């Protein structure tokens, strides 16, 4: 299995500097409490195309990551593996969905789709992974802008009604996320209520 140490040191150093720099416009606050925007994905790996609307009625856990991101390799990727194992029964029942979005805002010549596929295989990441779409000369990819992410890693948890209930950049206490996931799994999904959040 490939580790962060196997990525060239210079690349990791540049990534660390960039991760500390701002990525979202004006460093705006994460949009917790708002309706989750549809993501804009140029390519899906490990899955057919999926949308927020298709996942309505499920708890959604999204990881925004970059393959060369040190914090992703040390924190968010292992955390996603942990949570997938922890909630495997709920996932098998179709009550929760895990996915990642490769949101590249730097080093695009290095973080290519081909290198990403190898990375996912080496890291044993089998859940759906979307490649965030770039349009024109924009530095920031589309989904990153829609979710107003501050960088990578960033994790968002969306409830059954399509509302962002938590969005955190960088490191945080996993137990808080796990507690929230359990609360959201226990919420009753009523289609009539869901229609009011559209």
N, C-alpha and C. Protein backbone atom coordinates (compact mmCIF):
# COMPACT_ATOMS: atom_id res chain seq x y z
N UNK A 1 0.85 -1.20 0.00
CA UNK A 1 0.00 0.00 0.00
C UNK A 1 0.88 1.24 0.00
N UNK A 2 0.56 2.15 -0.85
CA UNK A 2 1.33 3.38 -0.97
C UNK A 2 1.03 4.30 0.19
N UNK A 3 2.06 4.90 0.77
CA UNK A 3 1.88 5.83 1.88
C UNK A 3 2.28 7.23 1.45
N UNK A 4 1.99 8.19 2.31
CA UNK A 4 2.35 9.57 1.99
C UNK A 4 3.85 9.72 1.82
N UNK A 5 4.65 8.89 2.53
CA UNK A 5 6.10 9.00 2.44
C UNK A 5 6.61 8.62 1.06
N UNK A 6 5.82 7.86 0.30
CA UNK A 6 6.26 7.43 -1.00
C UNK A 6 6.01 8.48 -2.07
N UNK A 7 5.27 9.52 -1.74
CA UNK A 7 5.10 10.63 -2.66
C UNK A 7 6.34 11.51 -2.55
N UNK A 8 6.90 12.01 -3.65
CA UNK A 8 8.14 12.79 -3.61
C UNK A 8 8.10 13.86 -2.54
N UNK A 9 9.19 13.98 -1.73
CA UNK A 9 9.22 14.96 -0.63
C UNK A 9 8.93 16.38 -1.07
N UNK A 10 9.47 16.78 -2.23
CA UNK A 10 9.23 18.14 -2.70
C UNK A 10 7.75 18.37 -2.95
N UNK A 11 7.09 17.35 -3.53
CA UNK A 11 5.66 17.45 -3.79
C UNK A 11 4.89 17.61 -2.50
N UNK A 12 5.26 16.81 -1.48
CA UNK A 12 4.58 16.89 -0.19
C UNK A 12 4.82 18.26 0.46
N UNK A 13 6.04 18.77 0.34
CA UNK A 13 6.33 20.07 0.94
C UNK A 13 5.50 21.17 0.30
N UNK A 14 5.42 21.15 -1.02
CA UNK A 14 4.61 22.14 -1.71
C UNK A 14 3.14 21.99 -1.35
N UNK A 15 2.70 20.74 -1.22
CA UNK A 15 1.30 20.50 -0.87
C UNK A 15 1.00 21.01 0.53
N UNK A 16 1.93 20.80 1.44
CA UNK A 16 1.71 21.26 2.81
C UNK A 16 1.59 22.77 2.88
N UNK A 17 2.46 23.45 2.10
CA UNK A 17 2.39 24.92 2.07
C UNK A 17 1.06 25.37 1.50
N UNK A 18 0.65 24.71 0.41
CA UNK A 18 -0.60 25.09 -0.24
C UNK A 18 -1.79 24.79 0.64
N UNK A 19 -1.70 23.70 1.41
CA UNK A 19 -2.82 23.33 2.28
C UNK A 19 -3.02 24.37 3.38
N UNK A 20 -1.93 25.00 3.79
CA UNK A 20 -2.04 26.03 4.81
C UNK A 20 -2.53 27.35 4.23
N UNK A 21 -2.32 27.49 2.93
CA UNK A 21 -2.81 28.70 2.26
C UNK A 21 -4.30 28.59 2.05
N UNK A 22 -4.95 29.70 1.77
CA UNK A 22 -6.39 29.67 1.57
C UNK A 22 -6.72 29.16 0.19
N UNK A 23 -7.85 28.50 0.07
CA UNK A 23 -8.27 27.98 -1.22
C UNK A 23 -9.65 28.48 -1.58
N UNK A 24 -10.52 28.68 -0.61
CA UNK A 24 -11.86 29.15 -0.91
C UNK A 24 -11.87 30.67 -0.95
N UNK A 25 -12.68 31.25 -1.84
CA UNK A 25 -12.72 32.71 -1.94
C UNK A 25 -13.07 33.36 -0.61
N UNK A 26 -12.21 34.29 -0.19
CA UNK A 26 -12.45 35.09 1.01
C UNK A 26 -12.58 34.26 2.28
N UNK A 27 -12.15 33.00 2.24
CA UNK A 27 -12.18 32.14 3.43
C UNK A 27 -13.55 32.12 4.09
N UNK A 28 -14.58 32.02 3.29
CA UNK A 28 -15.95 32.05 3.80
C UNK A 28 -16.23 30.82 4.64
N UNK A 29 -17.18 30.92 5.56
CA UNK A 29 -17.51 29.82 6.45
C UNK A 29 -18.16 28.68 5.68
N UNK A 30 -17.94 27.47 6.17
CA UNK A 30 -18.55 26.30 5.55
C UNK A 30 -20.07 26.39 5.67
N UNK A 31 -20.79 25.90 4.65
CA UNK A 31 -22.24 26.13 4.56
C UNK A 31 -23.09 25.12 5.34
N UNK A 32 -22.70 24.77 6.56
CA UNK A 32 -23.52 23.85 7.34
C UNK A 32 -24.89 24.45 7.59
N UNK A 33 -25.93 23.62 7.48
CA UNK A 33 -27.30 24.07 7.66
C UNK A 33 -27.99 24.44 6.37
N UNK A 34 -27.25 24.44 5.27
CA UNK A 34 -27.84 24.77 3.98
C UNK A 34 -28.06 23.50 3.15
N UNK A 35 -28.90 23.63 2.13
CA UNK A 35 -29.14 22.50 1.24
C UNK A 35 -27.86 22.17 0.47
N UNK A 36 -27.55 20.90 0.38
CA UNK A 36 -26.33 20.47 -0.31
C UNK A 36 -26.45 20.72 -1.80
N UNK A 37 -25.51 21.44 -2.40
CA UNK A 37 -25.56 21.66 -3.85
C UNK A 37 -25.28 20.36 -4.60
N UNK A 38 -25.75 20.29 -5.83
CA UNK A 38 -25.34 19.18 -6.68
C UNK A 38 -23.86 19.36 -6.99
N UNK A 39 -23.13 18.26 -6.99
CA UNK A 39 -21.72 18.33 -7.37
C UNK A 39 -21.60 18.30 -8.89
N UNK A 40 -20.48 18.79 -9.39
CA UNK A 40 -20.21 18.83 -10.83
C UNK A 40 -18.96 17.99 -11.08
N UNK A 41 -19.15 16.80 -11.60
CA UNK A 41 -18.08 15.81 -11.70
C UNK A 41 -17.78 15.52 -13.17
N UNK A 42 -16.50 15.56 -13.51
CA UNK A 42 -16.10 15.28 -14.90
C UNK A 42 -15.96 13.79 -15.16
N UNK A 43 -15.69 13.01 -14.12
CA UNK A 43 -15.51 11.56 -14.29
C UNK A 43 -15.74 10.87 -12.95
N UNK A 44 -16.40 9.72 -13.00
CA UNK A 44 -16.60 8.91 -11.80
C UNK A 44 -15.72 7.67 -11.85
N UNK A 45 -15.17 7.31 -10.71
CA UNK A 45 -14.38 6.09 -10.56
C UNK A 45 -15.06 5.24 -9.50
N UNK A 46 -15.13 3.95 -9.72
CA UNK A 46 -15.77 2.99 -8.81
C UNK A 46 -17.29 3.11 -8.80
N UNK A 47 -17.87 3.84 -9.74
CA UNK A 47 -19.32 4.05 -9.70
C UNK A 47 -19.82 4.62 -11.02
N UNK A 48 -21.08 4.36 -11.29
CA UNK A 48 -21.79 5.11 -12.32
C UNK A 48 -22.06 6.51 -11.77
N UNK A 49 -22.39 7.47 -12.61
CA UNK A 49 -22.69 8.82 -12.11
C UNK A 49 -23.80 8.81 -11.06
N UNK A 50 -23.60 9.55 -9.99
CA UNK A 50 -24.59 9.66 -8.93
C UNK A 50 -24.77 11.15 -8.60
N UNK A 51 -25.91 11.47 -8.00
CA UNK A 51 -26.21 12.86 -7.67
C UNK A 51 -26.75 12.96 -6.25
N UNK A 52 -26.78 14.18 -5.74
CA UNK A 52 -27.37 14.42 -4.43
C UNK A 52 -28.82 13.96 -4.43
N UNK A 53 -29.54 14.28 -5.49
CA UNK A 53 -30.96 13.92 -5.57
C UNK A 53 -31.17 12.41 -5.52
N UNK A 54 -30.29 11.66 -6.18
CA UNK A 54 -30.42 10.20 -6.18
C UNK A 54 -30.19 9.61 -4.80
N UNK A 55 -29.43 10.29 -3.98
CA UNK A 55 -29.10 9.77 -2.65
C UNK A 55 -30.04 10.29 -1.57
N UNK A 56 -31.06 11.04 -1.95
CA UNK A 56 -32.03 11.54 -0.98
C UNK A 56 -32.63 10.37 -0.20
N UNK A 57 -32.71 10.51 1.10
CA UNK A 57 -33.18 9.43 1.95
C UNK A 57 -32.05 8.67 2.62
N UNK A 58 -30.80 8.97 2.22
CA UNK A 58 -29.62 8.36 2.83
C UNK A 58 -28.79 9.45 3.50
N UNK A 59 -28.07 9.07 4.53
CA UNK A 59 -27.04 9.94 5.07
C UNK A 59 -25.85 9.86 4.12
N UNK A 60 -25.26 11.01 3.79
CA UNK A 60 -24.14 11.05 2.85
C UNK A 60 -22.91 11.60 3.56
N UNK A 61 -21.81 10.89 3.43
CA UNK A 61 -20.53 11.36 3.96
C UNK A 61 -19.61 11.61 2.77
N UNK A 62 -19.18 12.86 2.61
CA UNK A 62 -18.32 13.24 1.49
C UNK A 62 -16.95 13.66 2.01
N UNK A 63 -15.93 13.10 1.39
CA UNK A 63 -14.56 13.54 1.65
C UNK A 63 -14.06 14.32 0.44
N UNK A 64 -13.64 15.56 0.67
CA UNK A 64 -12.96 16.34 -0.37
C UNK A 64 -11.47 16.15 -0.15
N UNK A 65 -10.76 15.67 -1.16
CA UNK A 65 -9.35 15.32 -0.95
C UNK A 65 -8.53 15.58 -2.20
N UNK A 66 -7.20 15.53 -2.02
CA UNK A 66 -6.24 15.50 -3.11
C UNK A 66 -5.27 14.36 -2.81
N UNK A 67 -4.82 13.66 -3.83
CA UNK A 67 -3.97 12.50 -3.58
C UNK A 67 -2.63 12.89 -2.97
N UNK A 68 -2.15 14.11 -3.20
CA UNK A 68 -0.86 14.51 -2.64
C UNK A 68 -0.99 15.27 -1.33
N UNK A 69 -2.19 15.40 -0.83
CA UNK A 69 -2.46 16.16 0.40
C UNK A 69 -2.01 15.36 1.63
N UNK A 70 -1.05 15.88 2.42
CA UNK A 70 -0.59 15.14 3.60
C UNK A 70 -1.70 14.86 4.61
N UNK A 71 -2.56 15.85 4.86
CA UNK A 71 -3.65 15.64 5.81
C UNK A 71 -4.66 14.61 5.34
N UNK A 72 -4.83 14.52 4.03
CA UNK A 72 -5.73 13.50 3.48
C UNK A 72 -5.16 12.11 3.73
N UNK A 73 -3.87 11.96 3.48
CA UNK A 73 -3.22 10.66 3.65
C UNK A 73 -3.13 10.24 5.11
N UNK A 74 -2.97 11.21 6.00
CA UNK A 74 -2.80 10.87 7.41
C UNK A 74 -4.10 10.88 8.20
N UNK A 75 -5.12 11.60 7.72
CA UNK A 75 -6.35 11.75 8.51
C UNK A 75 -7.61 11.32 7.78
N UNK A 76 -7.98 12.01 6.71
CA UNK A 76 -9.32 11.79 6.14
C UNK A 76 -9.47 10.44 5.46
N UNK A 77 -8.44 9.98 4.76
CA UNK A 77 -8.55 8.67 4.09
C UNK A 77 -8.66 7.55 5.12
N UNK A 78 -7.78 7.50 6.15
CA UNK A 78 -7.98 6.49 7.20
C UNK A 78 -9.32 6.62 7.91
N UNK A 79 -9.79 7.86 8.11
CA UNK A 79 -11.08 8.05 8.78
C UNK A 79 -12.22 7.49 7.94
N UNK A 80 -12.18 7.71 6.64
CA UNK A 80 -13.23 7.16 5.78
C UNK A 80 -13.22 5.63 5.82
N UNK A 81 -12.03 5.04 5.82
CA UNK A 81 -11.94 3.58 5.95
C UNK A 81 -12.56 3.13 7.28
N UNK A 82 -12.25 3.84 8.35
CA UNK A 82 -12.77 3.50 9.67
C UNK A 82 -14.29 3.59 9.69
N UNK A 83 -14.82 4.69 9.17
CA UNK A 83 -16.27 4.87 9.19
C UNK A 83 -16.99 3.87 8.29
N UNK A 84 -16.39 3.55 7.16
CA UNK A 84 -17.02 2.55 6.29
C UNK A 84 -17.12 1.21 6.99
N UNK A 85 -16.11 0.86 7.76
CA UNK A 85 -16.15 -0.38 8.53
C UNK A 85 -17.16 -0.27 9.67
N UNK A 86 -17.15 0.85 10.35
CA UNK A 86 -18.03 1.07 11.50
C UNK A 86 -19.51 1.02 11.10
N UNK A 87 -19.82 1.57 9.92
CA UNK A 87 -21.22 1.66 9.48
C UNK A 87 -21.49 0.74 8.28
N UNK A 88 -20.77 -0.37 8.22
CA UNK A 88 -20.93 -1.28 7.07
C UNK A 88 -22.33 -1.89 7.01
N UNK A 89 -22.93 -2.16 8.17
CA UNK A 89 -24.27 -2.73 8.18
C UNK A 89 -25.28 -1.73 7.62
N UNK A 90 -25.18 -0.49 8.07
CA UNK A 90 -26.09 0.55 7.59
C UNK A 90 -25.89 0.80 6.10
N UNK A 91 -24.64 0.71 5.64
CA UNK A 91 -24.37 0.89 4.21
C UNK A 91 -24.99 -0.25 3.40
N UNK A 92 -24.89 -1.47 3.92
CA UNK A 92 -25.47 -2.61 3.21
C UNK A 92 -26.98 -2.53 3.15
N UNK A 93 -27.58 -1.82 4.10
CA UNK A 93 -29.03 -1.62 4.12
C UNK A 93 -29.46 -0.41 3.30
N UNK A 94 -28.50 0.28 2.70
CA UNK A 94 -28.81 1.44 1.87
C UNK A 94 -29.18 2.68 2.66
N UNK A 95 -28.71 2.78 3.89
CA UNK A 95 -29.07 3.91 4.75
C UNK A 95 -28.00 5.00 4.78
N UNK A 96 -26.79 4.68 4.33
CA UNK A 96 -25.70 5.65 4.33
C UNK A 96 -24.83 5.42 3.10
N UNK A 97 -24.30 6.50 2.56
CA UNK A 97 -23.43 6.42 1.39
C UNK A 97 -22.15 7.19 1.66
N UNK A 98 -21.03 6.58 1.32
CA UNK A 98 -19.73 7.22 1.44
C UNK A 98 -19.20 7.52 0.05
N UNK A 99 -18.60 8.68 -0.12
CA UNK A 99 -18.02 9.05 -1.40
C UNK A 99 -16.91 10.07 -1.19
N UNK A 100 -16.05 10.18 -2.18
CA UNK A 100 -14.97 11.17 -2.13
C UNK A 100 -14.98 11.98 -3.42
N UNK A 101 -14.53 13.22 -3.31
CA UNK A 101 -14.40 14.08 -4.49
C UNK A 101 -12.95 14.56 -4.55
N UNK A 102 -12.29 14.21 -5.65
CA UNK A 102 -10.90 14.64 -5.86
C UNK A 102 -10.94 16.06 -6.41
N UNK A 103 -10.75 17.02 -5.52
CA UNK A 103 -10.94 18.42 -5.86
C UNK A 103 -9.58 19.10 -5.96
N UNK A 104 -9.04 19.10 -7.16
CA UNK A 104 -7.66 19.54 -7.39
C UNK A 104 -7.62 21.04 -7.68
N UNK A 105 -7.00 21.78 -6.78
CA UNK A 105 -6.86 23.23 -6.98
C UNK A 105 -5.40 23.63 -7.11
N UNK A 106 -4.52 22.65 -7.21
CA UNK A 106 -3.08 22.89 -7.34
C UNK A 106 -2.45 21.61 -7.90
N UNK A 107 -1.31 21.75 -8.54
CA UNK A 107 -0.59 20.57 -9.00
C UNK A 107 -1.37 19.70 -9.95
N UNK A 108 -2.11 20.30 -10.86
CA UNK A 108 -2.96 19.51 -11.75
C UNK A 108 -2.15 18.61 -12.68
N UNK A 109 -0.93 19.04 -13.02
CA UNK A 109 -0.11 18.21 -13.91
C UNK A 109 0.37 16.95 -13.21
N UNK A 110 0.42 16.98 -11.88
CA UNK A 110 0.83 15.80 -11.11
C UNK A 110 -0.37 14.94 -10.73
N UNK A 111 -1.46 15.58 -10.32
CA UNK A 111 -2.62 14.85 -9.80
C UNK A 111 -3.59 14.51 -10.93
N UNK A 112 -3.14 13.69 -11.83
CA UNK A 112 -3.90 13.33 -13.02
C UNK A 112 -4.89 12.21 -12.72
N UNK A 113 -5.91 12.04 -13.56
CA UNK A 113 -6.84 10.92 -13.38
C UNK A 113 -6.14 9.57 -13.37
N UNK A 114 -5.13 9.40 -14.20
CA UNK A 114 -4.41 8.13 -14.25
C UNK A 114 -3.69 7.86 -12.93
N UNK A 115 -3.02 8.88 -12.40
CA UNK A 115 -2.33 8.71 -11.12
C UNK A 115 -3.36 8.51 -10.00
N UNK A 116 -4.50 9.16 -10.09
CA UNK A 116 -5.55 8.98 -9.09
C UNK A 116 -6.04 7.54 -9.07
N UNK A 117 -6.25 6.94 -10.22
CA UNK A 117 -6.72 5.55 -10.27
C UNK A 117 -5.72 4.62 -9.58
N UNK A 118 -4.45 4.82 -9.83
CA UNK A 118 -3.43 3.99 -9.17
C UNK A 118 -3.46 4.22 -7.66
N UNK A 119 -3.61 5.47 -7.27
CA UNK A 119 -3.65 5.83 -5.85
C UNK A 119 -4.83 5.16 -5.15
N UNK A 120 -6.00 5.20 -5.77
CA UNK A 120 -7.19 4.59 -5.17
C UNK A 120 -7.01 3.09 -5.01
N UNK A 121 -6.38 2.46 -5.98
CA UNK A 121 -6.14 1.02 -5.89
C UNK A 121 -5.17 0.70 -4.76
N UNK A 122 -4.09 1.49 -4.67
CA UNK A 122 -3.09 1.26 -3.63
C UNK A 122 -3.64 1.53 -2.23
N UNK A 123 -4.53 2.51 -2.12
CA UNK A 123 -5.14 2.85 -0.83
C UNK A 123 -6.39 2.02 -0.53
N UNK A 124 -6.75 1.15 -1.46
CA UNK A 124 -7.93 0.28 -1.30
C UNK A 124 -9.20 1.09 -1.06
N UNK A 125 -9.34 2.15 -1.83
CA UNK A 125 -10.55 2.99 -1.77
C UNK A 125 -11.51 2.48 -2.82
N UNK A 126 -12.63 1.94 -2.37
CA UNK A 126 -13.58 1.28 -3.29
C UNK A 126 -14.91 2.01 -3.40
N UNK A 127 -15.13 3.00 -2.58
CA UNK A 127 -16.39 3.75 -2.69
C UNK A 127 -16.32 4.70 -3.88
N UNK A 128 -17.45 5.28 -4.29
CA UNK A 128 -17.46 6.19 -5.43
C UNK A 128 -16.53 7.39 -5.22
N UNK A 129 -15.78 7.69 -6.27
CA UNK A 129 -14.87 8.85 -6.25
C UNK A 129 -15.15 9.67 -7.50
N UNK A 130 -15.46 10.94 -7.31
CA UNK A 130 -15.69 11.84 -8.43
C UNK A 130 -14.53 12.79 -8.62
N UNK A 131 -14.20 13.08 -9.87
CA UNK A 131 -13.17 14.06 -10.17
C UNK A 131 -13.85 15.40 -10.40
N UNK A 132 -13.55 16.35 -9.54
CA UNK A 132 -14.19 17.67 -9.60
C UNK A 132 -13.86 18.34 -10.93
N UNK A 133 -14.88 18.93 -11.54
CA UNK A 133 -14.73 19.51 -12.87
C UNK A 133 -14.09 20.91 -12.83
N UNK A 134 -13.13 21.11 -13.73
CA UNK A 134 -12.57 22.45 -13.97
C UNK A 134 -13.22 23.04 -15.21
N UNK A 135 -13.56 24.30 -15.15
CA UNK A 135 -14.14 24.99 -16.30
C UNK A 135 -13.27 26.19 -16.65
N UNK A 136 -12.88 26.26 -17.90
CA UNK A 136 -12.08 27.39 -18.37
C UNK A 136 -10.78 27.50 -17.62
N UNK A 137 -10.40 28.72 -17.30
CA UNK A 137 -9.14 28.95 -16.61
C UNK A 137 -9.29 29.08 -15.11
N UNK A 138 -10.44 28.68 -14.57
CA UNK A 138 -10.65 28.79 -13.13
C UNK A 138 -9.64 27.95 -12.36
N UNK A 139 -9.08 28.51 -11.32
CA UNK A 139 -8.17 27.74 -10.48
C UNK A 139 -8.94 26.72 -9.65
N UNK A 140 -10.08 27.15 -9.13
CA UNK A 140 -10.85 26.29 -8.25
C UNK A 140 -11.86 25.48 -9.05
N UNK A 141 -11.94 24.18 -8.81
CA UNK A 141 -12.93 23.36 -9.51
C UNK A 141 -14.35 23.67 -9.04
N UNK A 142 -15.31 23.21 -9.82
CA UNK A 142 -16.71 23.63 -9.64
C UNK A 142 -17.32 23.21 -8.31
N UNK A 143 -17.18 21.94 -7.94
CA UNK A 143 -17.83 21.48 -6.71
C UNK A 143 -17.20 22.12 -5.49
N UNK A 144 -15.91 22.34 -5.56
CA UNK A 144 -15.23 23.03 -4.47
C UNK A 144 -15.83 24.41 -4.25
N UNK A 145 -16.14 25.12 -5.33
CA UNK A 145 -16.76 26.43 -5.21
C UNK A 145 -18.18 26.33 -4.68
N UNK A 146 -18.93 25.35 -5.17
CA UNK A 146 -20.33 25.21 -4.75
C UNK A 146 -20.44 24.90 -3.26
N UNK A 147 -19.50 24.08 -2.76
CA UNK A 147 -19.53 23.71 -1.35
C UNK A 147 -18.68 24.66 -0.50
N UNK A 148 -18.04 25.62 -1.18
CA UNK A 148 -17.25 26.62 -0.46
C UNK A 148 -16.23 25.97 0.46
N UNK A 149 -15.59 24.91 -0.03
CA UNK A 149 -14.60 24.24 0.81
C UNK A 149 -13.38 25.12 0.98
N UNK A 150 -12.70 24.95 2.10
CA UNK A 150 -11.56 25.78 2.43
C UNK A 150 -10.24 25.13 2.04
N UNK A 151 -10.28 23.92 1.55
CA UNK A 151 -9.06 23.21 1.18
C UNK A 151 -9.27 21.72 1.31
N UNK A 152 -8.19 20.99 1.49
CA UNK A 152 -8.27 19.55 1.70
C UNK A 152 -7.34 19.17 2.86
N UNK A 153 -7.75 18.19 3.67
CA UNK A 153 -9.01 17.45 3.57
C UNK A 153 -10.18 18.25 4.15
N UNK A 154 -11.35 17.96 3.65
CA UNK A 154 -12.59 18.52 4.19
C UNK A 154 -13.66 17.46 4.10
N UNK A 155 -14.44 17.32 5.15
CA UNK A 155 -15.49 16.31 5.19
C UNK A 155 -16.83 16.98 5.44
N UNK A 156 -17.82 16.56 4.68
CA UNK A 156 -19.19 17.06 4.85
C UNK A 156 -20.11 15.88 5.13
N UNK A 157 -21.05 16.09 6.03
CA UNK A 157 -22.07 15.08 6.34
C UNK A 157 -23.43 15.69 6.03
N UNK A 158 -24.17 15.01 5.18
CA UNK A 158 -25.47 15.49 4.69
C UNK A 158 -26.56 14.57 5.21
N UNK A 159 -27.66 15.16 5.67
CA UNK A 159 -28.72 14.32 6.22
C UNK A 159 -29.62 13.75 5.12
N UNK A 160 -30.62 12.99 5.53
CA UNK A 160 -31.50 12.30 4.57
C UNK A 160 -32.33 13.25 3.73
N UNK A 161 -32.43 14.50 4.19
CA UNK A 161 -33.23 15.49 3.48
C UNK A 161 -32.39 16.39 2.58
N UNK A 162 -31.09 16.08 2.49
CA UNK A 162 -30.21 16.85 1.61
C UNK A 162 -29.66 18.12 2.23
N UNK A 163 -29.66 18.20 3.56
CA UNK A 163 -29.15 19.38 4.26
C UNK A 163 -27.76 19.07 4.83
N UNK A 164 -26.82 19.98 4.61
CA UNK A 164 -25.48 19.81 5.18
C UNK A 164 -25.57 20.05 6.69
N UNK A 165 -25.22 19.03 7.45
CA UNK A 165 -25.30 19.14 8.91
C UNK A 165 -23.94 19.37 9.55
N UNK A 166 -22.89 19.03 8.84
CA UNK A 166 -21.53 19.27 9.33
C UNK A 166 -20.61 19.41 8.14
N UNK A 167 -19.70 20.37 8.20
CA UNK A 167 -18.65 20.48 7.19
C UNK A 167 -17.41 21.00 7.88
N UNK A 168 -16.35 20.21 7.85
CA UNK A 168 -15.13 20.54 8.59
C UNK A 168 -13.91 20.45 7.69
N UNK A 169 -13.08 21.48 7.76
CA UNK A 169 -11.81 21.51 7.05
C UNK A 169 -10.69 21.09 8.00
N UNK A 170 -9.80 20.23 7.52
CA UNK A 170 -8.65 19.82 8.32
C UNK A 170 -9.01 18.76 9.34
N UNK A 171 -8.30 18.78 10.45
CA UNK A 171 -8.46 17.76 11.48
C UNK A 171 -9.59 18.14 12.44
N UNK A 172 -10.32 17.13 12.92
CA UNK A 172 -11.36 17.35 13.92
C UNK A 172 -11.52 16.06 14.71
N UNK A 173 -12.30 16.11 15.75
CA UNK A 173 -12.50 14.94 16.60
C UNK A 173 -13.47 13.97 15.92
N UNK A 174 -13.00 12.80 15.48
CA UNK A 174 -13.87 11.86 14.76
C UNK A 174 -15.11 11.45 15.53
N UNK A 175 -15.01 11.38 16.86
CA UNK A 175 -16.16 10.93 17.66
C UNK A 175 -17.37 11.83 17.46
N UNK A 176 -17.12 13.12 17.23
CA UNK A 176 -18.24 14.05 17.02
C UNK A 176 -18.95 13.74 15.71
N UNK A 177 -18.17 13.41 14.69
CA UNK A 177 -18.77 13.02 13.42
C UNK A 177 -19.54 11.72 13.53
N UNK A 178 -18.97 10.77 14.26
CA UNK A 178 -19.64 9.48 14.44
C UNK A 178 -20.96 9.64 15.18
N UNK A 179 -20.95 10.49 16.20
CA UNK A 179 -22.19 10.74 16.95
C UNK A 179 -23.25 11.36 16.06
N UNK A 180 -22.85 12.32 15.23
CA UNK A 180 -23.80 12.95 14.33
C UNK A 180 -24.35 11.95 13.32
N UNK A 181 -23.49 11.11 12.78
CA UNK A 181 -23.95 10.10 11.81
C UNK A 181 -25.01 9.22 12.44
N UNK A 182 -24.79 8.79 13.68
CA UNK A 182 -25.76 7.92 14.35
C UNK A 182 -27.09 8.65 14.55
N UNK A 183 -27.02 9.91 14.91
CA UNK A 183 -28.25 10.70 15.09
C UNK A 183 -29.01 10.80 13.77
N UNK A 184 -28.28 11.08 12.69
CA UNK A 184 -28.92 11.24 11.38
C UNK A 184 -29.49 9.93 10.87
N UNK A 185 -28.82 8.82 11.16
CA UNK A 185 -29.33 7.52 10.75
C UNK A 185 -30.66 7.21 11.44
N UNK A 186 -30.82 7.72 12.65
CA UNK A 186 -32.05 7.46 13.41
C UNK A 186 -33.19 8.38 13.03
N UNK A 187 -32.90 9.45 12.29
CA UNK A 187 -33.97 10.35 11.87
C UNK A 187 -34.90 9.65 10.89
N UNK A 188 -36.19 9.89 11.06
CA UNK A 188 -37.17 9.29 10.16
C UNK A 188 -37.25 10.13 8.89
N UNK A 189 -37.15 9.46 7.75
CA UNK A 189 -37.22 10.17 6.47
C UNK A 189 -38.66 10.19 6.00
N UNK A 190 -39.20 11.39 5.87
CA UNK A 190 -40.56 11.56 5.39
C UNK A 190 -40.49 12.31 4.07
N UNK A 191 -41.02 11.72 3.01
CA UNK A 191 -40.90 12.30 1.68
C UNK A 191 -41.50 13.70 1.62
N UNK A 192 -42.61 13.91 2.33
CA UNK A 192 -43.24 15.22 2.30
C UNK A 192 -42.32 16.29 2.87
N UNK A 193 -41.62 15.95 3.96
CA UNK A 193 -40.68 16.89 4.55
C UNK A 193 -39.51 17.12 3.61
N UNK A 194 -39.05 16.06 2.96
CA UNK A 194 -37.93 16.19 2.03
C UNK A 194 -38.25 17.15 0.91
N UNK A 195 -39.50 17.14 0.44
CA UNK A 195 -39.88 18.00 -0.67
C UNK A 195 -39.81 19.47 -0.28
N UNK A 196 -39.95 19.77 1.00
CA UNK A 196 -39.91 21.16 1.46
C UNK A 196 -38.50 21.72 1.44
N UNK A 197 -37.48 20.84 1.41
CA UNK A 197 -36.09 21.29 1.44
C UNK A 197 -35.52 21.47 0.05
N UNK A 198 -36.29 21.19 -0.99
CA UNK A 198 -35.78 21.31 -2.35
C UNK A 198 -35.68 22.77 -2.78
